[in-house]
PDB file of N, CA and C in Angstrom:
ATOM      1  N   MET A   1       1.167  -1.501   0.163  1.00  0.00           N
ATOM      2  CA  MET A   1      -0.046   0.175   0.333  1.00  0.00           C
ATOM      3  C   MET A   1       1.204   1.328  -0.147  1.00  0.00           C
ATOM      4  N   VAL A   2       0.222   2.219  -1.162  1.00  0.00           N
ATOM      5  CA  VAL A   2       0.884   3.678  -0.681  1.00  0.00           C
ATOM      6  C   VAL A   2       0.133   4.609  -0.262  1.00  0.00           C
ATOM      7  N   PRO A   3       0.433   5.797  -0.346  1.00  0.00           N
ATOM      8  CA  PRO A   3      -0.264   6.427   0.919  1.00  0.00           C
ATOM      9  C   PRO A   3      -1.296   7.245  -0.168  1.00  0.00           C
ATOM     10  N   MET A   4      -2.304   7.973  -0.803  1.00  0.00           N
ATOM     11  CA  MET A   4      -3.164   8.058  -1.089  1.00  0.00           C
ATOM     12  C   MET A   4      -2.780   9.576  -1.957  1.00  0.00           C
ATOM     13  N   GLY A   5      -2.428   9.226  -3.095  1.00  0.00           N
ATOM     14  CA  GLY A   5      -2.234  10.491  -4.131  1.00  0.00           C
ATOM     15  C   GLY A   5      -0.549  10.407  -4.789  1.00  0.00           C
ATOM     16  N   GLU A   6       0.162   9.213  -4.258  1.00  0.00           N
ATOM     17  CA  GLU A   6       1.079   8.862  -4.335  1.00  0.00           C
ATOM     18  C   GLU A   6       1.234   8.287  -5.867  1.00  0.00           C
ATOM     19  N   ASP A   7       2.352   8.425  -6.433  1.00  0.00           N
ATOM     20  CA  ASP A   7       2.375   7.104  -7.885  1.00  0.00           C
ATOM     21  C   ASP A   7       2.828   6.260  -6.935  1.00  0.00           C
ATOM     22  N   ILE A   8       2.459   4.896  -7.541  1.00  0.00           N
ATOM     23  CA  ILE A   8       3.083   3.576  -7.231  1.00  0.00           C
ATOM     24  C   ILE A   8       3.661   3.068  -9.053  1.00  0.00           C
ATOM     25  N   GLY A   9       4.043   3.866  -9.572  1.00  0.00           N
ATOM     26  CA  GLY A   9       5.116   3.792 -10.701  1.00  0.00           C
ATOM     27  C   GLY A   9       4.521   2.270 -10.863  1.00  0.00           C
ATOM     28  N   GLU A  10       4.962   1.759 -11.624  1.00  0.00           N
ATOM     29  CA  GLU A  10       4.065   0.388 -12.360  1.00  0.00           C
ATOM     30  C   GLU A  10       3.869  -1.112 -11.736  1.00  0.00           C
ATOM     31  N   MET A  11       3.081  -1.074 -12.221  1.00  0.00           N
ATOM     32  CA  MET A  11       1.817  -2.157 -11.163  1.00  0.00           C
ATOM     33  C   MET A  11       2.982  -3.559 -11.563  1.00  0.00           C
ATOM     34  N   PRO A  12       2.663  -3.688 -10.027  1.00  0.00           N
ATOM     35  CA  PRO A  12       2.972  -5.061 -10.034  1.00  0.00           C
ATOM     36  C   PRO A  12       2.673  -6.038 -11.069  1.00  0.00           C
ATOM     37  N   GLU A  13       4.069  -7.132 -11.309  1.00  0.00           N
ATOM     38  CA  GLU A  13       3.377  -8.528 -12.184  1.00  0.00           C
ATOM     39  C   GLU A  13       2.586  -9.560 -11.516  1.00  0.00           C
ATOM     40  N   GLY A  14       1.873 -10.135 -11.982  1.00  0.00           N
ATOM     41  CA  GLY A  14       1.112 -11.262 -11.519  1.00  0.00           C
ATOM     42  C   GLY A  14       0.279 -11.025 -11.270  1.00  0.00           C
ATOM     43  N   GLU A  15      -0.561 -12.244 -10.483  1.00  0.00           N
ATOM     44  CA  GLU A  15      -2.519 -11.476 -10.521  1.00  0.00           C
ATOM     45  C   GLU A  15      -2.163 -12.063  -8.911  1.00  0.00           C
ATOM     46  N   ASN A  16      -1.638 -12.055  -7.522  1.00  0.00           N
ATOM     47  CA  ASN A  16      -1.124 -12.149  -6.311  1.00  0.00           C
ATOM     48  C   ASN A  16      -1.014 -11.144  -5.915  1.00  0.00           C
ATOM     49  N   TRP A  17      -1.705  -9.682  -6.038  1.00  0.00           N
ATOM     50  CA  TRP A  17      -2.011  -8.717  -5.746  1.00  0.00           C
ATOM     51  C   TRP A  17      -3.274  -7.904  -5.476  1.00  0.00           C
ATOM     52  N   GLN A  18      -4.068  -7.138  -4.949  1.00  0.00           N
ATOM     53  CA  GLN A  18      -4.762  -6.419  -5.573  1.00  0.00           C
ATOM     54  C   GLN A  18      -4.600  -4.749  -4.459  1.00  0.00           C
ATOM     55  N   GLU A  19      -5.317  -4.219  -4.529  1.00  0.00           N
ATOM     56  CA  GLU A  19      -5.548  -2.841  -3.764  1.00  0.00           C
ATOM     57  C   GLU A  19      -6.393  -2.358  -3.184  1.00  0.00           C
ATOM     58  N   GLY A  20      -5.839  -1.640  -2.090  1.00  0.00           N
ATOM     59  CA  GLY A  20      -6.206  -2.008  -0.506  1.00  0.00           C
ATOM     60  C   GLY A  20      -6.446  -0.529   0.142  1.00  0.00           C
ATOM     61  N   LEU A  21      -7.188  -0.620   0.980  1.00  0.00           N
ATOM     62  CA  LEU A  21      -7.422   0.632   1.518  1.00  0.00           C
ATOM     63  C   LEU A  21      -6.541   0.729   3.324  1.00  0.00           C
ATOM     64  N   ARG A  22      -6.174   1.489   3.921  1.00  0.00           N
ATOM     65  CA  ARG A  22      -6.110   2.133   5.207  1.00  0.00           C
ATOM     66  C   ARG A  22      -6.656   3.552   6.179  1.00  0.00           C
ATOM     67  N   LEU A  23      -7.534   2.558   7.158  1.00  0.00           N
ATOM     68  CA  LEU A  23      -8.161   3.735   7.868  1.00  0.00           C
ATOM     69  C   LEU A  23      -7.326   3.864   8.807  1.00  0.00           C
ATOM     70  N   GLN A  24      -7.290   4.916   9.733  1.00  0.00           N
ATOM     71  CA  GLN A  24      -6.719   5.300  11.535  1.00  0.00           C
ATOM     72  C   GLN A  24      -8.418   6.053  12.125  1.00  0.00           C
ATOM     73  N   VAL A  25      -8.893   5.093  13.173  1.00  0.00           N
ATOM     74  CA  VAL A  25     -10.210   5.466  13.608  1.00  0.00           C
ATOM     75  C   VAL A  25      -9.367   5.479  15.419  1.00  0.00           C
ATOM     76  N   LYS A  26     -10.372   6.316  15.622  1.00  0.00           N
ATOM     77  CA  LYS A  26      -9.868   6.617  17.613  1.00  0.00           C
ATOM     78  C   LYS A  26     -11.726   5.916  17.487  1.00  0.00           C
ATOM     79  N   MET A  27     -11.475   5.221  19.027  1.00  0.00           N
ATOM     80  CA  MET A  27     -12.517   4.622  19.160  1.00  0.00           C
ATOM     81  C   MET A  27     -13.234   5.126  20.655  1.00  0.00           C
ATOM     82  N   PRO A  28     -13.891   5.366  21.086  1.00  0.00           N
ATOM     83  CA  PRO A  28     -14.516   6.490  22.626  1.00  0.00           C
ATOM     84  C   PRO A  28     -13.795   5.351  23.593  1.00  0.00           C
ATOM     85  N   GLY A  29     -13.016   6.260  24.404  1.00  0.00           N
ATOM     86  CA  GLY A  29     -12.673   5.986  26.036  1.00  0.00           C
ATOM     87  C   GLY A  29     -11.142   5.555  25.114  1.00  0.00           C
ATOM     88  N   GLU A  30     -10.761   5.774  24.093  1.00  0.00           N
ATOM     89  CA  GLU A  30      -8.940   4.953  24.233  1.00  0.00           C
ATOM     90  C   GLU A  30      -8.628   6.746  23.353  1.00  0.00           C
ATOM     91  N   ASP A  31      -7.186   6.657  24.154  1.00  0.00           N
ATOM     92  CA  ASP A  31      -6.413   7.734  23.521  1.00  0.00           C
ATOM     93  C   ASP A  31      -5.236   7.596  22.708  1.00  0.00           C
ATOM     94  N   PHE A  32      -5.351   6.833  21.568  1.00  0.00           N
ATOM     95  CA  PHE A  32      -5.111   6.407  20.561  1.00  0.00           C
ATOM     96  C   PHE A  32      -5.509   6.031  19.533  1.00  0.00           C
ATOM     97  N   ARG A  33      -5.066   6.284  18.138  1.00  0.00           N
ATOM     98  CA  ARG A  33      -5.649   5.574  17.245  1.00  0.00           C
ATOM     99  C   ARG A  33      -5.428   4.087  16.731  1.00  0.00           C
ATOM    100  N   ARG A  34      -6.403   3.223  16.286  1.00  0.00           N
ATOM    101  CA  ARG A  34      -5.991   2.082  16.074  1.00  0.00           C
ATOM    102  C   ARG A  34      -6.241   2.034  14.275  1.00  0.00           C
ATOM    103  N   THR A  35      -5.599   1.347  13.381  1.00  0.00           N
ATOM    104  CA  THR A  35      -5.713   0.986  11.631  1.00  0.00           C
ATOM    105  C   THR A  35      -5.732  -0.412  11.357  1.00  0.00           C
ATOM    106  N   MET A  36      -6.452   0.096  10.165  1.00  0.00           N
ATOM    107  CA  MET A  36      -7.160  -1.434   9.815  1.00  0.00           C
ATOM    108  C   MET A  36      -6.652  -1.145   8.277  1.00  0.00           C
ATOM    109  N   MET A  37      -6.315  -1.769   8.028  1.00  0.00           N
ATOM    110  CA  MET A  37      -6.194  -2.248   6.238  1.00  0.00           C
ATOM    111  C   MET A  37      -6.858  -3.553   5.915  1.00  0.00           C
ATOM    112  N   SER A  38      -7.487  -2.948   4.216  1.00  0.00           N
ATOM    113  CA  SER A  38      -8.418  -3.964   3.687  1.00  0.00           C
ATOM    114  C   SER A  38      -8.678  -3.980   2.476  1.00  0.00           C
ATOM    115  N   SER A  39      -9.168  -5.171   2.229  1.00  0.00           N
ATOM    116  CA  SER A  39      -9.354  -4.808   0.136  1.00  0.00           C
ATOM    117  C   SER A  39     -10.382  -5.546   0.008  1.00  0.00           C
ATOM    118  N   ALA A  40     -11.609  -5.577   0.736  1.00  0.00           N
ATOM    119  CA  ALA A  40     -12.630  -5.868   1.102  1.00  0.00           C
ATOM    120  C   ALA A  40     -13.748  -5.196   0.247  1.00  0.00           C
ATOM    121  N   ILE A  41     -14.384  -5.208  -1.166  1.00  0.00           N
ATOM    122  CA  ILE A  41     -15.525  -4.017  -1.944  1.00  0.00           C
ATOM    123  C   ILE A  41     -16.228  -4.018  -0.573  1.00  0.00           C
ATOM    124  N   GLY A  42     -16.723  -4.197   0.113  1.00  0.00           N
ATOM    125  CA  GLY A  42     -18.056  -4.405   0.354  1.00  0.00           C
ATOM    126  C   GLY A  42     -17.291  -2.481   1.510  1.00  0.00           C
ATOM    127  N   LEU A  43     -16.284  -2.899   2.237  1.00  0.00           N
ATOM    128  CA  LEU A  43     -15.922  -1.991   3.516  1.00  0.00           C
ATOM    129  C   LEU A  43     -15.671  -0.717   2.286  1.00  0.00           C
ATOM    130  N   TRP A  44     -15.393  -0.442   1.051  1.00  0.00           N
ATOM    131  CA  TRP A  44     -14.585   0.052   0.115  1.00  0.00           C
ATOM    132  C   TRP A  44     -16.472   0.881  -0.023  1.00  0.00           C
ATOM    133  N   ARG A  45     -17.097   0.551  -0.435  1.00  0.00           N
ATOM    134  CA  ARG A  45     -18.522   0.714  -0.692  1.00  0.00           C
ATOM    135  C   ARG A  45     -18.984   1.385   0.403  1.00  0.00           C
ATOM    136  N   SER A  46     -19.450   0.594   1.400  1.00  0.00           N
ATOM    137  CA  SER A  46     -19.567   1.563   2.706  1.00  0.00           C
ATOM    138  C   SER A  46     -18.976   2.500   2.998  1.00  0.00           C
ATOM    139  N   LEU A  47     -17.852   2.673   2.758  1.00  0.00           N
ATOM    140  CA  LEU A  47     -17.026   3.784   3.137  1.00  0.00           C
ATOM    141  C   LEU A  47     -17.476   5.193   2.390  1.00  0.00           C
ATOM    142  N   ASP A  48     -17.951   4.947   0.774  1.00  0.00           N
ATOM    143  CA  ASP A  48     -18.190   5.506  -0.451  1.00  0.00           C
ATOM    144  C   ASP A  48     -20.040   5.762   0.141  1.00  0.00           C
ATOM    145  N   ARG A  49     -20.246   5.466   0.689  1.00  0.00           N
ATOM    146  CA  ARG A  49     -21.471   5.378   1.410  1.00  0.00           C
ATOM    147  C   ARG A  49     -21.629   6.712   2.649  1.00  0.00           C
ATOM    148  N   LEU A  50     -20.478   6.315   3.315  1.00  0.00           N
ATOM    149  CA  LEU A  50     -20.599   7.411   4.274  1.00  0.00           C
ATOM    150  C   LEU A  50     -19.739   8.724   3.747  1.00  0.00           C
ATOM    151  N   HIS A  51     -19.140   8.683   2.693  1.00  0.00           N
ATOM    152  CA  HIS A  51     -18.371  10.086   2.358  1.00  0.00           C
ATOM    153  C   HIS A  51     -19.541  10.468   1.997  1.00  0.00           C
ATOM    154  N   ASP A  52     -21.034  10.299   1.118  1.00  0.00           N
ATOM    155  CA  ASP A  52     -21.633  10.719   0.665  1.00  0.00           C
ATOM    156  C   ASP A  52     -22.196  11.852   1.477  1.00  0.00           C
ATOM    157  N   GLN A  53     -22.843  10.801   2.794  1.00  0.00           N
ATOM    158  CA  GLN A  53     -23.655  11.850   3.760  1.00  0.00           C
ATOM    159  C   GLN A  53     -22.733  11.934   4.451  1.00  0.00           C
ATOM    160  N   TYR A  54     -20.934  12.496   4.422  1.00  0.00           N
ATOM    161  CA  TYR A  54     -20.204  13.758   4.750  1.00  0.00           C
ATOM    162  C   TYR A  54     -20.479  15.195   3.677  1.00  0.00           C
ATOM    163  N   VAL A  55     -20.474  14.388   2.550  1.00  0.00           N
ATOM    164  CA  VAL A  55     -20.830  15.422   2.091  1.00  0.00           C
ATOM    165  C   VAL A  55     -21.750  15.553   2.154  1.00  0.00           C
ATOM    166  N   GLU A  56     -23.168  15.564   1.824  1.00  0.00           N
ATOM    167  CA  GLU A  56     -24.648  16.439   2.143  1.00  0.00           C
ATOM    168  C   GLU A  56     -24.491  17.322   3.186  1.00  0.00           C
ATOM    169  N   LEU A  57     -24.246  16.489   4.820  1.00  0.00           N
ATOM    170  CA  LEU A  57     -24.213  17.246   6.264  1.00  0.00           C
ATOM    171  C   LEU A  57     -23.508  18.150   6.741  1.00  0.00           C
ATOM    172  N   ALA A  58     -21.717  17.964   5.744  1.00  0.00           N
ATOM    173  CA  ALA A  58     -20.340  18.718   6.404  1.00  0.00           C
ATOM    174  C   ALA A  58     -20.440  19.973   6.342  1.00  0.00           C
ATOM    175  N   PRO A  59     -21.372  21.133   5.195  1.00  0.00           N
ATOM    176  CA  PRO A  59     -21.506  22.231   5.316  1.00  0.00           C
ATOM    177  C   PRO A  59     -22.204  22.319   6.021  1.00  0.00           C
ATOM    178  N   ALA A  60     -23.037  22.103   6.721  1.00  0.00           N
ATOM    179  CA  ALA A  60     -23.270  22.671   8.120  1.00  0.00           C
ATOM    180  C   ALA A  60     -22.926  22.789   9.447  1.00  0.00           C
ATOM    181  N   GLN A  61     -21.712  21.921   9.346  1.00  0.00           N
ATOM    182  CA  GLN A  61     -20.586  21.925  10.603  1.00  0.00           C
ATOM    183  C   GLN A  61     -19.161  22.012   9.828  1.00  0.00           C
ATOM    184  N   PRO A  62     -19.417  23.572   9.706  1.00  0.00           N
ATOM    185  CA  PRO A  62     -17.912  24.401   9.213  1.00  0.00           C
ATOM    186  C   PRO A  62     -17.234  23.980  10.818  1.00  0.00           C
ATOM    187  N   GLY A  63     -15.173  23.478  10.150  1.00  0.00           N
ATOM    188  CA  GLY A  63     -14.921  23.324  11.055  1.00  0.00           C
ATOM    189  C   GLY A  63     -14.833  22.059  12.491  1.00  0.00           C
ATOM    190  N   LYS A  64     -16.051  21.146  11.527  1.00  0.00           N
ATOM    191  CA  LYS A  64     -16.235  20.049  12.898  1.00  0.00           C
ATOM    192  C   LYS A  64     -15.547  18.759  11.594  1.00  0.00           C
ATOM    193  N   VAL A  65     -15.852  17.803  12.954  1.00  0.00           N
ATOM    194  CA  VAL A  65     -15.445  15.948  12.257  1.00  0.00           C
ATOM    195  C   VAL A  65     -16.206  15.574  12.333  1.00  0.00           C
ATOM    196  N   PRO A  66     -16.802  14.635  11.863  1.00  0.00           N
ATOM    197  CA  PRO A  66     -17.986  13.446  12.250  1.00  0.00           C
ATOM    198  C   PRO A  66     -17.765  12.560  13.194  1.00  0.00           C
ATOM    199  N   VAL A  67     -18.538  12.382  14.490  1.00  0.00           N
ATOM    200  CA  VAL A  67     -18.637  10.910  14.780  1.00  0.00           C
ATOM    201  C   VAL A  67     -19.208   9.863  14.077  1.00  0.00           C
ATOM    202  N   VAL A  68     -18.561   8.915  13.713  1.00  0.00           N
ATOM    203  CA  VAL A  68     -19.303   8.247  13.178  1.00  0.00           C
ATOM    204  C   VAL A  68     -19.191   6.448  13.870  1.00  0.00           C
ATOM    205  N   LYS A  69     -20.597   5.844  13.728  1.00  0.00           N
ATOM    206  CA  LYS A  69     -20.879   4.868  14.702  1.00  0.00           C
ATOM    207  C   LYS A  69     -21.242   3.703  13.328  1.00  0.00           C
ATOM    208  N   LEU A  70     -21.205   2.339  13.486  1.00  0.00           N
ATOM    209  CA  LEU A  70     -21.081   1.009  13.050  1.00  0.00           C
ATOM    210  C   LEU A  70     -22.693   0.794  13.026  1.00  0.00           C
ATOM    211  N   LEU A  71     -24.059   1.017  12.331  1.00  0.00           N
ATOM    212  CA  LEU A  71     -25.124   0.781  12.604  1.00  0.00           C
ATOM    213  C   LEU A  71     -24.903  -0.991  12.270  1.00  0.00           C
ATOM    214  N   ASP A  72     -25.244  -1.326  11.602  1.00  0.00           N
ATOM    215  CA  ASP A  72     -25.074  -3.003  11.763  1.00  0.00           C
ATOM    216  C   ASP A  72     -23.803  -3.530   9.797  1.00  0.00           C
ATOM    217  N   VAL A  73     -23.821  -4.935  10.184  1.00  0.00           N
ATOM    218  CA  VAL A  73     -23.210  -5.390   9.564  1.00  0.00           C
ATOM    219  C   VAL A  73     -24.058  -6.647   9.269  1.00  0.00           C
ATOM    220  N   MET A  74     -24.044  -6.501   7.387  1.00  0.00           N
ATOM    221  CA  MET A  74     -24.966  -7.571   6.721  1.00  0.00           C
ATOM    222  C   MET A  74     -24.230  -8.778   6.049  1.00  0.00           C
ATOM    223  N   GLU A  75     -24.547 -10.016   6.412  1.00  0.00           N
ATOM    224  CA  GLU A  75     -23.312 -11.588   5.976  1.00  0.00           C
ATOM    225  C   GLU A  75     -23.932 -11.436   4.294  1.00  0.00           C
ATOM    226  N   ILE A  76     -23.112 -11.565   3.775  1.00  0.00           N
ATOM    227  CA  ILE A  76     -23.217 -11.656   2.047  1.00  0.00           C
ATOM    228  C   ILE A  76     -22.680 -13.009   1.779  1.00  0.00           C
ATOM    229  N   LYS A  77     -23.459 -14.081   1.416  1.00  0.00           N
ATOM    230  CA  LYS A  77     -23.721 -15.045   0.880  1.00  0.00           C
ATOM    231  C   LYS A  77     -23.170 -15.365  -1.120  1.00  0.00           C
ATOM    232  N   ALA A  78     -21.820 -15.370  -1.218  1.00  0.00           N
ATOM    233  CA  ALA A  78     -21.499 -16.018  -2.544  1.00  0.00           C
ATOM    234  C   ALA A  78     -20.773 -16.877  -2.439  1.00  0.00           C
ATOM    235  N   ARG A  79     -19.654 -17.464  -3.425  1.00  0.00           N
ATOM    236  CA  ARG A  79     -18.621 -18.207  -3.294  1.00  0.00           C
ATOM    237  C   ARG A  79     -17.936 -18.520  -2.012  1.00  0.00           C
ATOM    238  N   THR A  80     -18.049 -17.898  -1.524  1.00  0.00           N
ATOM    239  CA  THR A  80     -17.582 -17.489   0.449  1.00  0.00           C
ATOM    240  C   THR A  80     -18.685 -15.939   0.720  1.00  0.00           C
ATOM    241  N   THR A  81     -18.825 -16.764   2.487  1.00  0.00           N
ATOM    242  CA  THR A  81     -19.122 -15.785   3.446  1.00  0.00           C
ATOM    243  C   THR A  81     -18.507 -14.552   3.291  1.00  0.00           C
ATOM    244  N   SER A  82     -18.906 -13.116   2.870  1.00  0.00           N
ATOM    245  CA  SER A  82     -18.105 -12.435   3.323  1.00  0.00           C
ATOM    246  C   SER A  82     -19.304 -10.994   3.993  1.00  0.00           C
ATOM    247  N   TYR A  83     -19.351  -9.979   4.883  1.00  0.00           N
ATOM    248  CA  TYR A  83     -19.797  -9.088   5.327  1.00  0.00           C
ATOM    249  C   TYR A  83     -19.216  -7.451   4.973  1.00  0.00           C
ATOM    250  N   MET A  84     -20.518  -6.682   4.842  1.00  0.00           N
ATOM    251  CA  MET A  84     -20.066  -5.492   4.924  1.00  0.00           C
ATOM    252  C   MET A  84     -21.367  -4.616   5.688  1.00  0.00           C
ATOM    253  N   PRO A  85     -20.197  -3.803   6.799  1.00  0.00           N
ATOM    254  CA  PRO A  85     -20.907  -2.589   7.384  1.00  0.00           C
ATOM    255  C   PRO A  85     -21.364  -1.733   6.710  1.00  0.00           C
ATOM    256  N   SER A  86     -22.182  -1.008   7.951  1.00  0.00           N
ATOM    257  CA  SER A  86     -22.840   0.080   7.313  1.00  0.00           C
ATOM    258  C   SER A  86     -22.681   1.358   8.369  1.00  0.00           C
ATOM    259  N   PHE A  87     -22.216   2.119   8.030  1.00  0.00           N
ATOM    260  CA  PHE A  87     -22.068   3.649   8.893  1.00  0.00           C
ATOM    261  C   PHE A  87     -22.958   4.451   9.105  1.00  0.00           C
ATOM    262  N   GLY A  88     -22.718   5.160   9.801  1.00  0.00           N
ATOM    263  CA  GLY A  88     -23.840   6.636  10.144  1.00  0.00           C
ATOM    264  C   GLY A  88     -22.979   7.333  10.516  1.00  0.00           C
ATOM    265  N   ILE A  89     -23.206   8.871  10.682  1.00  0.00           N
ATOM    266  CA  ILE A  89     -22.232  10.838  10.709  1.00  0.00           C
ATOM    267  C   ILE A  89     -23.275  10.273  12.292  1.00  0.00           C
ATOM    268  N   VAL A  90     -23.123   9.946  13.451  1.00  0.00           N
ATOM    269  CA  VAL A  90     -23.718  10.254  14.769  1.00  0.00           C
ATOM    270  C   VAL A  90     -23.764  11.420  15.634  1.00  0.00           C
ATOM    271  N   GLY A  91     -23.470  12.203  15.099  1.00  0.00           N
ATOM    272  CA  GLY A  91     -22.297  13.379  15.773  1.00  0.00           C
ATOM    273  C   GLY A  91     -21.730  14.326  14.993  1.00  0.00           C
ATOM    274  N   TRP A  92     -21.149  15.471  15.186  1.00  0.00           N
ATOM    275  CA  TRP A  92     -20.057  16.241  14.876  1.00  0.00           C
ATOM    276  C   TRP A  92     -19.403  16.749  16.062  1.00  0.00           C
ATOM    277  N   ILE A  93     -18.425  16.695  15.508  1.00  0.00           N
ATOM    278  CA  ILE A  93     -17.154  17.481  17.249  1.00  0.00           C
ATOM    279  C   ILE A  93     -16.050  18.483  16.696  1.00  0.00           C
ATOM    280  N   GLY A  94     -15.468  19.124  17.635  1.00  0.00           N
ATOM    281  CA  GLY A  94     -14.702  20.154  17.032  1.00  0.00           C
ATOM    282  C   GLY A  94     -13.159  19.348  16.894  1.00  0.00           C
ATOM    283  N   PRO A  95     -12.401  20.057  15.975  1.00  0.00           N
ATOM    284  CA  PRO A  95     -10.816  19.663  15.759  1.00  0.00           C
ATOM    285  C   PRO A  95     -10.443  19.353  17.483  1.00  0.00           C
ATOM    286  N   ASP A  96     -10.459  20.085  18.502  1.00  0.00           N
ATOM    287  CA  ASP A  96      -9.896  20.014  19.522  1.00  0.00           C
ATOM    288  C   ASP A  96     -10.149  19.180  20.522  1.00  0.00           C
ATOM    289  N   GLU A  97     -11.289  18.186  20.013  1.00  0.00           N
ATOM    290  CA  GLU A  97     -11.430  16.921  20.965  1.00  0.00           C
ATOM    291  C   GLU A  97     -10.931  15.733  19.882  1.00  0.00           C
ATOM    292  N   VAL A  98     -10.356  15.755  19.107  1.00  0.00           N
ATOM    293  CA  VAL A  98     -10.336  14.763  18.671  1.00  0.00           C
ATOM    294  C   VAL A  98      -8.186  14.683  18.954  1.00  0.00           C
ATOM    295  N   LEU A  99      -7.873  13.199  19.041  1.00  0.00           N
ATOM    296  CA  LEU A  99      -6.738  13.019  19.062  1.00  0.00           C
ATOM    297  C   LEU A  99      -6.094  12.762  17.420  1.00  0.00           C
ATOM    298  N   GLN A 100      -4.827  14.305  18.120  1.00  0.00           N
ATOM    299  CA  GLN A 100      -3.382  14.943  17.212  1.00  0.00           C
ATOM    300  C   GLN A 100      -3.225  13.374  16.616  1.00  0.00           C
ATOM    301  N   ARG A 101      -2.842  13.263  15.500  1.00  0.00           N
ATOM    302  CA  ARG A 101      -2.353  12.456  14.478  1.00  0.00           C
ATOM    303  C   ARG A 101      -1.162  12.229  15.276  1.00  0.00           C
ATOM    304  N   PRO A 102      -0.380  11.428  15.416  1.00  0.00           N
ATOM    305  CA  PRO A 102       0.695  11.762  15.905  1.00  0.00           C
ATOM    306  C   PRO A 102       1.720  11.532  14.608  1.00  0.00           C
ATOM    307  N   THR A 103       3.494  11.970  14.383  1.00  0.00           N
ATOM    308  CA  THR A 103       3.669  12.498  13.408  1.00  0.00           C
ATOM    309  C   THR A 103       4.689  11.492  12.952  1.00  0.00           C
ATOM    310  N   ARG A 104       4.818  11.432  12.205  1.00  0.00           N
ATOM    311  CA  ARG A 104       5.782  10.403  11.363  1.00  0.00           C
ATOM    312  C   ARG A 104       7.154   9.927  12.217  1.00  0.00           C
ATOM    313  N   GLY A 105       7.672  10.355  12.775  1.00  0.00           N
ATOM    314  CA  GLY A 105       8.681  10.191  13.770  1.00  0.00           C
ATOM    315  C   GLY A 105       8.104   9.199  15.132  1.00  0.00           C
ATOM    316  N   ASP A 106       6.772   9.289  15.454  1.00  0.00           N
ATOM    317  CA  ASP A 106       6.202   8.623  16.227  1.00  0.00           C
ATOM    318  C   ASP A 106       5.969   7.003  16.031  1.00  0.00           C
ATOM    319  N   LEU A 107       6.343   7.114  14.548  1.00  0.00           N
ATOM    320  CA  LEU A 107       5.234   5.607  13.889  1.00  0.00           C
ATOM    321  C   LEU A 107       6.851   4.779  13.792  1.00  0.00           C
ATOM    322  N   ASP A 108       7.450   4.758  14.271  1.00  0.00           N
ATOM    323  CA  ASP A 108       8.913   3.827  14.039  1.00  0.00           C
ATOM    324  C   ASP A 108       8.498   2.936  15.051  1.00  0.00           C
ATOM    325  N   ASP A 109       7.382   2.054  15.564  1.00  0.00           N
ATOM    326  CA  ASP A 109       7.597   0.734  16.470  1.00  0.00           C
ATOM    327  C   ASP A 109       7.878  -0.231  15.572  1.00  0.00           C
ATOM    328  N   GLN A 110       8.324  -1.347  16.458  1.00  0.00           N
ATOM    329  CA  GLN A 110       8.101  -2.774  15.483  1.00  0.00           C
ATOM    330  C   GLN A 110       6.888  -3.295  15.437  1.00  0.00           C
ATOM    331  N   ILE A 111       6.959  -4.255  14.536  1.00  0.00           N
ATOM    332  CA  ILE A 111       5.465  -4.979  14.304  1.00  0.00           C
ATOM    333  C   ILE A 111       6.072  -6.555  15.076  1.00  0.00           C
ATOM    334  N   PRO A 112       5.485  -6.566  16.374  1.00  0.00           N
ATOM    335  CA  PRO A 112       5.542  -7.889  16.832  1.00  0.00           C
ATOM    336  C   PRO A 112       5.134  -9.463  15.442  1.00  0.00           C
ATOM    337  N   PHE A 113       5.472  -8.975  14.714  1.00  0.00           N
ATOM    338  CA  PHE A 113       5.365 -10.498  13.453  1.00  0.00           C
ATOM    339  C   PHE A 113       6.299 -10.593  12.246  1.00  0.00           C
TER     340      PHE A 113
END
């Protein structure tokens, strides 16, 4: 994965790769952000719907960020079983109420695997 907007260069050869996304979320009662990475199309579609909701509601909330809640998870049965979340904006908070994102220097911890 590469940061959005950066050129990834040549597409990798072969068929054993796919596009994915990376999210950082702050859970209630925690003073740190959690990171999730996924290539699931159901999650992409759910986040697209959430973005549409944000674009519709954000003009009435200048300078604020949305509080998002997981509303439901739908089971999708096809060749394999997958799950598609449903998110909704349940409130808005000021930027001073949001945990500040760490600088790049704070992201150098080792992953234990």
